[in-house]
Amino acid sequence: MTAARVIMLEMSSAELSSLREGYRFGEGSMAGKEVLIYGGGMSGMVAAINLAREGHRVVIRDMEDSYGGSKIYNPSTHVTPIDLEKTSQYIGIDVKPVFHKVIRCPAYFHDTMMLWPVYEVFGVERGDRPGSLDTLLYKECLDLGVEFEFSTPLKAEDVPDLAPGTIIACGLIPKAYKMLDVPFLQVHMWLSRGEIGFTDYAWLWFDESITEYGYLSAVNNYYFNLLFSFGKRVEKYALEKYKEFMVRNEGVEHDEWDYQVGAVPLLKPDNYRLFRNGLIMCGTMSGAIDPFMGFGISGALVTGKVAAMAVSDPEAAQVEFDRFLAGFRRSFYIKEMWKRFVRPKVNRLERHIRIAGVERVNWLMTLTEREKSLIPLPFATPGFGHANIYKK
């Protein structure tokens, strides 16, 4: 029995009864029920599409003046491991047209480069630009009659009166985590984004000046560059070091950078929840994010589908949620060991790559491409991008 299943079983009978009661419409009929969703990003819209297809009236409220998630972080681009065919089948939406195969993704330890395996790794754009994932989902929502109420944020005084079954998909916004009493880590980050002269490319940069990594991805000739740490401010000297690395190794330079602080539900190993006080959590708010590398695209898509399922059948939805989050604890603890014993010693990692031989390491990476399989890294959380988790 997984930890998430235990969480469901430990819910009081009164709370579970309240959930079931709140999801009822008329005399057991689900047709025509009104479902409120807070968050007009990808996970909220996946939930909305599935609910609208079932005949519900769906209203999405968002703090921004348009769809596509927070304007703090979007437009943006991301790369992620994902089985596009099986993901599309599972969520009932063909998302393949807006994902683009990544051609190359070098990972740098200081200035020592290894090639990250990119089989089944795709880039995708977020936000409200024409080629984004969110634009594809928004058009589908409009075709199905989903209603949008923009510039309508979730407020603390509204939370106690939210109907059971309200879906919360508020992404990385710290204020929402505080309102809903969801434990979180602060994400400190420098951001840059805009048009660029290349596409379907990404890199990673590891250095002692940050706890996580520097990360650029380019999709649709638009780039998103992120330098971030969990729970620790990213000082200006770290940004300057990163900028020098970029010019020296990739010939890329950005003038405009913005500092932001976000939130991720990675504070504790049991932090993931489908239900909180009768509300349905969706996307990052539910904990559907890989603790090791922070992959969140696949988790947002599949938990959008699961959140829609939870409106009519909370028990079945919980089983699905448990299945997708089955590797969360393992990934969390591996990450704890990594950041305590390995990650602070980038010099040692760099030295080991050089001892093994950079060319030999990169040759091994190309073997994974030839065999068409991802390296079985222990931190890859089942459920996010891997085909086997779609099997019953």
Protein backbone atom coordinates (compact mmCIF):
# COMPACT_ATOMS: atom_id res chain seq x y z
CA MET A 1 0.00 0.00 0.00
CA THR A 2 1.47 3.33 -1.02
CA ALA A 3 1.77 6.30 1.29
CA ALA A 4 -0.74 8.30 -0.75
CA ARG A 5 -3.30 5.51 -0.34
CA VAL A 6 -2.80 5.62 3.41
CA ILE A 7 -3.53 9.34 3.31
CA MET A 8 -6.87 8.65 1.65
CA LEU A 9 -7.78 5.94 4.15
CA GLU A 10 -6.93 8.21 7.06
CA MET A 11 -9.47 10.82 5.94
CA SER A 12 -12.31 10.90 8.41
CA SER A 13 -15.57 9.24 7.39
CA ALA A 14 -17.26 12.63 7.83
CA GLU A 15 -14.83 14.30 5.39
CA LEU A 16 -15.19 11.53 2.82
CA SER A 17 -18.96 11.69 3.19
CA SER A 18 -18.76 15.45 2.68
CA LEU A 19 -16.74 14.92 -0.48
CA ARG A 20 -19.27 12.47 -1.88
CA GLU A 21 -22.18 14.70 -0.87
CA GLY A 22 -20.58 17.75 -2.44
CA TYR A 23 -20.15 15.97 -5.75
CA ARG A 24 -23.80 14.93 -6.00
CA PHE A 25 -26.18 16.64 -8.39
CA GLY A 26 -29.90 16.14 -8.00
CA GLU A 27 -30.65 12.49 -7.37
CA GLY A 28 -27.29 10.97 -8.21
CA SER A 29 -27.13 12.39 -11.73
CA MET A 30 -23.85 14.10 -12.55
CA ALA A 31 -25.09 15.88 -15.70
CA GLY A 32 -25.15 19.64 -15.47
CA LYS A 33 -23.12 20.03 -12.29
CA GLU A 34 -21.21 23.32 -12.02
CA VAL A 35 -17.51 22.91 -11.27
CA LEU A 36 -15.29 25.82 -10.29
CA ILE A 37 -11.58 25.74 -11.11
CA TYR A 38 -9.03 28.24 -9.80
CA GLY A 39 -6.12 28.45 -12.24
CA GLY A 40 -6.16 28.93 -16.01
CA GLY A 41 -2.90 27.13 -16.75
CA MET A 42 -2.46 23.75 -18.39
CA SER A 43 -3.58 21.49 -15.51
CA GLY A 44 -6.71 23.51 -14.81
CA MET A 45 -7.65 23.52 -18.49
CA VAL A 46 -7.06 19.76 -18.89
CA ALA A 47 -9.46 19.23 -15.98
CA ALA A 48 -11.95 21.66 -17.52
CA ILE A 49 -11.91 19.96 -20.93
CA ASN A 50 -12.57 16.54 -19.44
CA LEU A 51 -15.37 17.85 -17.21
CA ALA A 52 -17.02 19.81 -20.03
CA ARG A 53 -17.06 16.70 -22.18
CA GLU A 54 -18.98 14.96 -19.40
CA GLY A 55 -21.66 17.62 -19.57
CA HIS A 56 -20.71 19.80 -16.62
CA ARG A 57 -20.76 23.56 -16.62
CA VAL A 58 -17.16 24.56 -15.93
CA VAL A 59 -15.95 27.97 -14.78
CA ILE A 60 -12.24 28.78 -14.64
CA ARG A 61 -11.12 31.73 -12.52
CA ASP A 62 -7.63 33.12 -12.86
CA MET A 63 -5.73 35.98 -11.26
CA GLU A 64 -4.27 37.03 -14.62
CA ASP A 65 -6.04 38.89 -17.42
CA SER A 66 -5.58 35.94 -19.80
CA TYR A 67 -5.10 32.18 -19.88
CA GLY A 68 -1.72 30.45 -19.72
CA GLY A 69 -0.63 30.59 -16.09
CA SER A 70 1.14 33.26 -14.09
CA LYS A 71 2.64 36.14 -16.07
CA ILE A 72 5.55 36.03 -13.63
CA TYR A 73 6.74 32.78 -15.21
CA ASN A 74 5.08 32.76 -18.63
CA PRO A 75 5.57 32.90 -21.57
CA SER A 76 8.20 30.25 -20.98
CA THR A 77 9.67 27.14 -22.56
CA HIS A 78 10.49 23.80 -20.97
CA VAL A 79 11.97 20.43 -21.82
CA THR A 80 10.63 17.25 -20.29
CA PRO A 81 10.76 13.46 -20.71
CA ILE A 82 7.31 12.42 -21.90
CA ASP A 83 5.58 9.66 -23.86
CA LEU A 84 3.43 11.92 -26.02
CA GLU A 85 1.24 9.21 -27.52
CA LYS A 86 0.29 7.61 -24.21
CA THR A 87 -0.06 10.95 -22.44
CA SER A 88 -2.42 12.20 -25.16
CA GLN A 89 -4.45 9.01 -24.92
CA TYR A 90 -4.66 9.20 -21.15
CA ILE A 91 -5.81 12.81 -20.88
CA GLY A 92 -8.03 12.55 -23.96
CA ILE A 93 -6.37 15.52 -25.70
CA ASP A 94 -3.89 15.33 -28.56
CA VAL A 95 -1.02 17.51 -27.33
CA LYS A 96 1.55 16.16 -29.78
CA PRO A 97 1.38 19.16 -32.19
CA VAL A 98 2.83 21.59 -29.61
CA PHE A 99 5.69 19.40 -28.37
CA HIS A 100 8.98 19.45 -30.28
CA LYS A 101 11.76 16.88 -30.16
CA VAL A 102 14.85 18.24 -28.43
CA ILE A 103 17.86 17.98 -30.72
CA ARG A 104 20.57 18.45 -28.11
CA CYS A 105 20.88 19.11 -24.38
CA PRO A 106 24.41 19.47 -22.97
CA ALA A 107 24.85 19.36 -19.19
CA TYR A 108 27.76 21.40 -17.84
CA PHE A 109 29.58 20.85 -14.57
CA HIS A 110 31.28 24.22 -14.48
CA ASP A 111 32.79 24.12 -17.99
CA THR A 112 32.98 20.35 -18.42
CA MET A 113 30.25 19.19 -20.76
CA MET A 114 28.42 15.89 -21.04
CA LEU A 115 25.52 15.25 -23.40
CA TRP A 116 22.23 14.66 -21.63
CA PRO A 117 20.22 11.78 -23.22
CA VAL A 118 17.32 13.25 -25.18
CA TYR A 119 15.37 10.21 -26.35
CA GLU A 120 11.70 10.97 -25.63
CA VAL A 121 12.69 14.42 -24.37
CA PHE A 122 10.59 17.20 -25.87
CA GLY A 123 10.36 20.95 -25.64
CA VAL A 124 7.09 22.80 -25.16
CA GLU A 125 6.04 26.43 -24.87
CA ARG A 126 3.84 27.70 -22.04
CA GLY A 127 1.77 30.89 -21.91
CA ASP A 128 -0.62 32.59 -24.32
CA ARG A 129 1.52 32.84 -27.45
CA PRO A 130 0.12 31.10 -30.59
CA GLY A 131 2.31 27.97 -30.51
CA SER A 132 1.96 27.18 -26.80
CA LEU A 133 0.44 24.20 -25.05
CA ASP A 134 -1.89 26.55 -23.18
CA THR A 135 -3.21 28.05 -26.43
CA LEU A 136 -4.06 24.58 -27.74
CA LEU A 137 -5.95 23.80 -24.51
CA TYR A 138 -7.66 27.21 -24.40
CA LYS A 139 -9.11 26.77 -27.89
CA GLU A 140 -10.47 23.37 -26.89
CA CYS A 141 -11.99 24.87 -23.74
CA LEU A 142 -13.77 27.57 -25.77
CA ASP A 143 -15.10 24.99 -28.23
CA LEU A 144 -16.60 23.08 -25.29
CA GLY A 145 -18.18 26.14 -23.68
CA VAL A 146 -15.83 26.42 -20.69
CA GLU A 147 -16.30 29.85 -19.10
CA PHE A 148 -13.33 32.01 -18.06
CA GLU A 149 -13.35 34.73 -15.40
CA PHE A 150 -10.02 36.52 -15.62
CA SER A 151 -8.58 38.96 -13.07
CA THR A 152 -10.39 36.94 -10.40
CA PRO A 153 -7.81 35.59 -7.93
CA LEU A 154 -8.41 33.12 -5.14
CA LYS A 155 -8.74 35.09 -1.89
CA ALA A 156 -8.15 33.89 1.66
CA GLU A 157 -11.62 34.97 2.78
CA ASP A 158 -13.19 32.85 0.02
CA VAL A 159 -11.44 29.59 0.91
CA PRO A 160 -13.71 28.50 3.81
CA ASP A 161 -16.79 28.88 1.61
CA LEU A 162 -15.49 27.01 -1.44
CA ALA A 163 -17.77 24.12 -2.36
CA PRO A 164 -16.40 20.57 -1.94
CA GLY A 165 -15.00 19.49 -5.28
CA THR A 166 -13.65 22.90 -6.23
CA ILE A 167 -10.42 22.35 -8.17
CA ILE A 168 -7.29 24.27 -7.21
CA ALA A 169 -4.59 24.62 -9.89
CA CYS A 170 -2.62 27.68 -8.77
CA GLY A 171 0.85 26.57 -9.87
CA LEU A 172 3.85 28.19 -8.18
CA ILE A 173 2.17 31.12 -6.40
CA PRO A 174 3.31 31.25 -2.71
CA LYS A 175 0.18 33.13 -1.59
CA ALA A 176 -2.04 30.24 -2.71
CA TYR A 177 0.05 27.70 -0.79
CA LYS A 178 -0.27 29.79 2.37
CA MET A 179 -4.03 30.21 1.98
CA LEU A 180 -4.54 26.46 1.58
CA ASP A 181 -1.99 25.48 4.25
CA VAL A 182 0.15 23.53 1.77
CA PRO A 183 3.77 23.20 3.01
CA PHE A 184 6.20 24.52 0.42
CA LEU A 185 9.78 25.40 -0.36
CA GLN A 186 10.63 28.84 -1.66
CA VAL A 187 12.15 28.88 -5.12
CA HIS A 188 14.56 31.77 -5.62
CA MET A 189 15.28 32.50 -9.25
CA TRP A 190 16.66 34.78 -11.88
CA LEU A 191 14.57 34.72 -15.08
CA SER A 192 15.15 35.87 -18.63
CA ARG A 193 13.06 35.20 -21.75
CA GLY A 194 12.40 36.42 -25.26
CA GLU A 195 12.97 35.79 -28.95
CA ILE A 196 16.16 33.96 -29.92
CA GLY A 197 17.76 32.65 -33.09
CA PHE A 198 17.60 28.91 -32.41
CA THR A 199 15.06 26.31 -31.29
CA ASP A 200 14.58 22.75 -29.93
CA TYR A 201 17.69 23.11 -27.79
CA ALA A 202 18.46 23.21 -24.07
CA TRP A 203 21.32 23.15 -21.59
CA LEU A 204 21.89 22.58 -17.87
CA TRP A 205 24.59 24.19 -15.71
CA PHE A 206 25.69 22.97 -12.28
CA ASP A 207 27.75 25.15 -9.96
CA GLU A 208 28.28 25.58 -6.20
CA SER A 209 26.78 29.08 -6.26
CA ILE A 210 23.24 27.62 -6.54
CA THR A 211 21.50 24.61 -5.00
CA GLU A 212 19.79 23.53 -8.24
CA TYR A 213 20.92 24.52 -11.74
CA GLY A 214 20.94 27.01 -14.56
CA TYR A 215 18.67 26.04 -17.39
CA LEU A 216 17.96 27.42 -20.84
CA SER A 217 15.46 25.94 -23.28
CA ALA A 218 14.39 27.24 -26.67
CA VAL A 219 11.16 26.30 -28.46
CA ASN A 220 9.48 28.09 -31.37
CA ASN A 221 12.53 30.41 -31.48
CA TYR A 222 11.59 31.65 -28.00
CA TYR A 223 13.86 31.07 -25.01
CA PHE A 224 13.37 30.80 -21.26
CA ASN A 225 16.43 30.98 -19.02
CA LEU A 226 16.24 30.10 -15.34
CA LEU A 227 18.91 30.15 -12.61
CA PHE A 228 17.41 28.87 -9.38
CA SER A 229 17.86 27.52 -5.86
CA PHE A 230 15.44 25.95 -3.41
CA GLY A 231 15.22 27.67 -0.02
CA LYS A 232 18.18 29.98 -0.61
CA ARG A 233 18.58 33.35 -2.27
CA VAL A 234 20.46 33.34 -5.57
CA GLU A 235 23.00 36.10 -5.18
CA LYS A 236 23.94 38.48 -7.97
CA TYR A 237 27.45 37.04 -8.16
CA ALA A 238 25.93 33.65 -9.11
CA LEU A 239 24.07 35.29 -11.97
CA GLU A 240 27.24 37.02 -13.17
CA LYS A 241 29.08 33.70 -13.05
CA TYR A 242 26.29 32.06 -15.05
CA LYS A 243 26.29 34.84 -17.65
CA GLU A 244 30.04 34.47 -18.11
CA PHE A 245 29.59 30.71 -18.55
CA MET A 246 26.92 31.29 -21.21
CA VAL A 247 29.08 33.59 -23.31
CA ARG A 248 32.16 31.40 -22.92
CA ASN A 249 30.52 28.04 -23.74
CA GLU A 250 27.38 28.79 -25.75
CA GLY A 251 27.94 32.26 -27.21
CA VAL A 252 24.62 33.46 -25.75
CA GLU A 253 24.03 36.68 -23.82
CA HIS A 254 20.88 38.24 -22.30
CA ASP A 255 20.65 41.79 -20.99
CA GLU A 256 17.34 41.60 -19.11
CA TRP A 257 16.97 39.45 -15.98
CA ASP A 258 14.21 39.48 -13.37
CA TYR A 259 14.38 38.17 -9.79
CA GLN A 260 11.38 36.22 -8.46
CA VAL A 261 10.43 33.98 -5.54
CA GLY A 262 8.01 31.11 -6.16
CA ALA A 263 6.82 27.99 -4.35
CA VAL A 264 7.03 24.23 -4.87
CA PRO A 265 5.43 21.55 -2.65
CA LEU A 266 8.73 19.76 -1.98
CA LEU A 267 9.19 20.50 1.71
CA LYS A 268 8.28 17.02 2.98
CA PRO A 269 8.23 13.47 1.55
CA ASP A 270 4.47 13.12 2.18
CA ASN A 271 3.52 16.53 0.82
CA TYR A 272 1.53 15.30 -2.16
CA ARG A 273 -2.27 15.33 -1.84
CA LEU A 274 -5.16 14.98 -4.25
CA PHE A 275 -7.63 16.23 -1.63
CA ARG A 276 -7.18 18.97 0.97
CA ASN A 277 -10.16 19.84 3.16
CA GLY A 278 -12.64 18.77 0.50
CA LEU A 279 -10.90 20.64 -2.32
CA ILE A 280 -9.27 18.89 -5.28
CA MET A 281 -5.60 19.73 -5.85
CA CYS A 282 -4.36 19.79 -9.41
CA GLY A 283 -0.97 20.14 -11.11
CA THR A 284 1.94 21.45 -9.04
CA MET A 285 -0.40 22.25 -6.12
CA SER A 286 -1.05 18.52 -5.73
CA GLY A 287 2.68 17.72 -5.48
CA ALA A 288 2.83 16.28 -9.01
CA ILE A 289 6.39 17.37 -9.62
CA ASP A 290 9.55 15.28 -9.80
CA PRO A 291 11.50 16.05 -6.60
CA PHE A 292 14.90 15.47 -8.18
CA MET A 293 14.95 17.57 -11.36
CA GLY A 294 11.69 19.47 -10.97
CA PHE A 295 9.96 18.06 -14.07
CA GLY A 296 6.33 19.15 -13.85
CA ILE A 297 4.76 19.16 -17.33
CA SER A 298 3.67 15.50 -17.36
CA GLY A 299 2.48 15.72 -13.76
CA ALA A 300 0.32 18.73 -14.54
CA LEU A 301 -1.26 17.05 -17.57
CA VAL A 302 -2.10 13.72 -15.92
CA THR A 303 -3.34 15.24 -12.65
CA GLY A 304 -5.60 17.52 -14.67
CA LYS A 305 -7.29 14.36 -15.91
CA VAL A 306 -7.28 12.84 -12.40
CA ALA A 307 -8.80 16.01 -10.91
CA ALA A 308 -11.67 15.80 -13.40
CA MET A 309 -12.20 12.17 -12.41
CA ALA A 310 -12.23 13.16 -8.72
CA VAL A 311 -15.36 15.26 -9.23
CA SER A 312 -17.53 12.20 -9.84
CA ASP A 313 -15.50 9.35 -8.33
CA PRO A 314 -13.05 10.46 -5.62
CA GLU A 315 -12.00 6.93 -4.65
CA ALA A 316 -11.08 5.91 -8.22
CA ALA A 317 -9.27 9.21 -8.70
CA GLN A 318 -7.26 8.63 -5.54
CA VAL A 319 -6.15 5.23 -6.85
CA GLU A 320 -4.94 6.87 -10.08
CA PHE A 321 -3.20 9.64 -8.17
CA ASP A 322 -1.44 7.06 -5.98
CA ARG A 323 -0.25 5.23 -9.09
CA PHE A 324 1.23 8.32 -10.68
CA LEU A 325 2.91 9.50 -7.46
CA ALA A 326 4.20 6.06 -6.45
CA GLY A 327 7.85 7.08 -6.79
CA PHE A 328 7.63 10.43 -5.03
CA ARG A 329 9.08 9.38 -1.66
CA ARG A 330 11.95 7.47 -3.24
CA SER A 331 12.81 10.41 -5.46
CA PHE A 332 12.53 12.80 -2.52
CA TYR A 333 15.00 10.86 -0.35
CA ILE A 334 17.45 10.32 -3.22
CA LYS A 335 17.35 14.07 -3.79
CA GLU A 336 18.05 14.65 -0.08
CA MET A 337 21.18 12.45 -0.32
CA TRP A 338 22.21 14.11 -3.58
CA LYS A 339 21.98 17.65 -2.22
CA ARG A 340 23.74 16.74 1.03
CA PHE A 341 26.61 14.57 -0.19
CA VAL A 342 27.03 15.03 -3.95
CA ARG A 343 25.59 18.30 -5.24
CA PRO A 344 27.82 20.64 -3.16
CA LYS A 345 30.92 19.05 -4.73
CA VAL A 346 30.63 20.02 -8.39
CA ASN A 347 34.44 20.00 -8.61
CA ARG A 348 34.41 16.30 -7.73
CA LEU A 349 31.72 15.52 -10.30
CA GLU A 350 33.67 17.42 -12.92
CA ARG A 351 36.87 15.58 -12.02
CA HIS A 352 35.17 12.15 -12.28
CA ILE A 353 33.85 12.97 -15.74
CA ARG A 354 37.32 14.01 -16.86
CA ILE A 355 38.91 10.88 -15.36
CA ALA A 356 36.38 8.69 -17.16
CA GLY A 357 36.99 10.72 -20.30
CA VAL A 358 34.54 13.28 -21.62
CA GLU A 359 34.44 11.64 -25.05
CA ARG A 360 33.78 8.23 -23.50
CA VAL A 361 31.00 9.59 -21.28
CA ASN A 362 29.34 11.28 -24.24
CA TRP A 363 29.69 8.09 -26.30
CA LEU A 364 27.79 6.23 -23.57
CA MET A 365 25.07 8.88 -23.78
CA THR A 366 24.75 8.29 -27.52
CA LEU A 367 24.25 4.56 -26.85
CA THR A 368 21.05 5.35 -24.98
CA GLU A 369 19.86 7.24 -28.06
CA ARG A 370 20.72 4.33 -30.32
CA GLU A 371 18.86 1.89 -28.06
CA LYS A 372 15.94 4.31 -27.84
CA SER A 373 15.68 4.13 -24.08
CA LEU A 374 16.13 6.60 -21.27
CA ILE A 375 18.97 5.90 -18.87
CA PRO A 376 17.28 4.22 -15.85
CA LEU A 377 18.22 7.01 -13.48
CA PRO A 378 17.04 6.27 -9.93
CA PHE A 379 15.49 9.71 -9.50
CA ALA A 380 13.11 9.40 -12.46
CA THR A 381 9.74 9.43 -10.73
CA PRO A 382 7.36 6.87 -12.25
CA GLY A 383 4.34 8.63 -13.61
CA PHE A 384 6.06 11.57 -15.23
CA GLY A 385 6.95 10.79 -18.81
CA HIS A 386 7.40 7.04 -18.62
CA ALA A 387 5.19 4.65 -20.58
CA ASN A 388 5.03 1.85 -17.99
CA ILE A 389 2.91 3.82 -15.56
CA TYR A 390 0.04 3.99 -18.03
CA LYS A 391 -0.39 0.23 -17.72
CA LYS A 392 -3.05 -0.96 -15.31
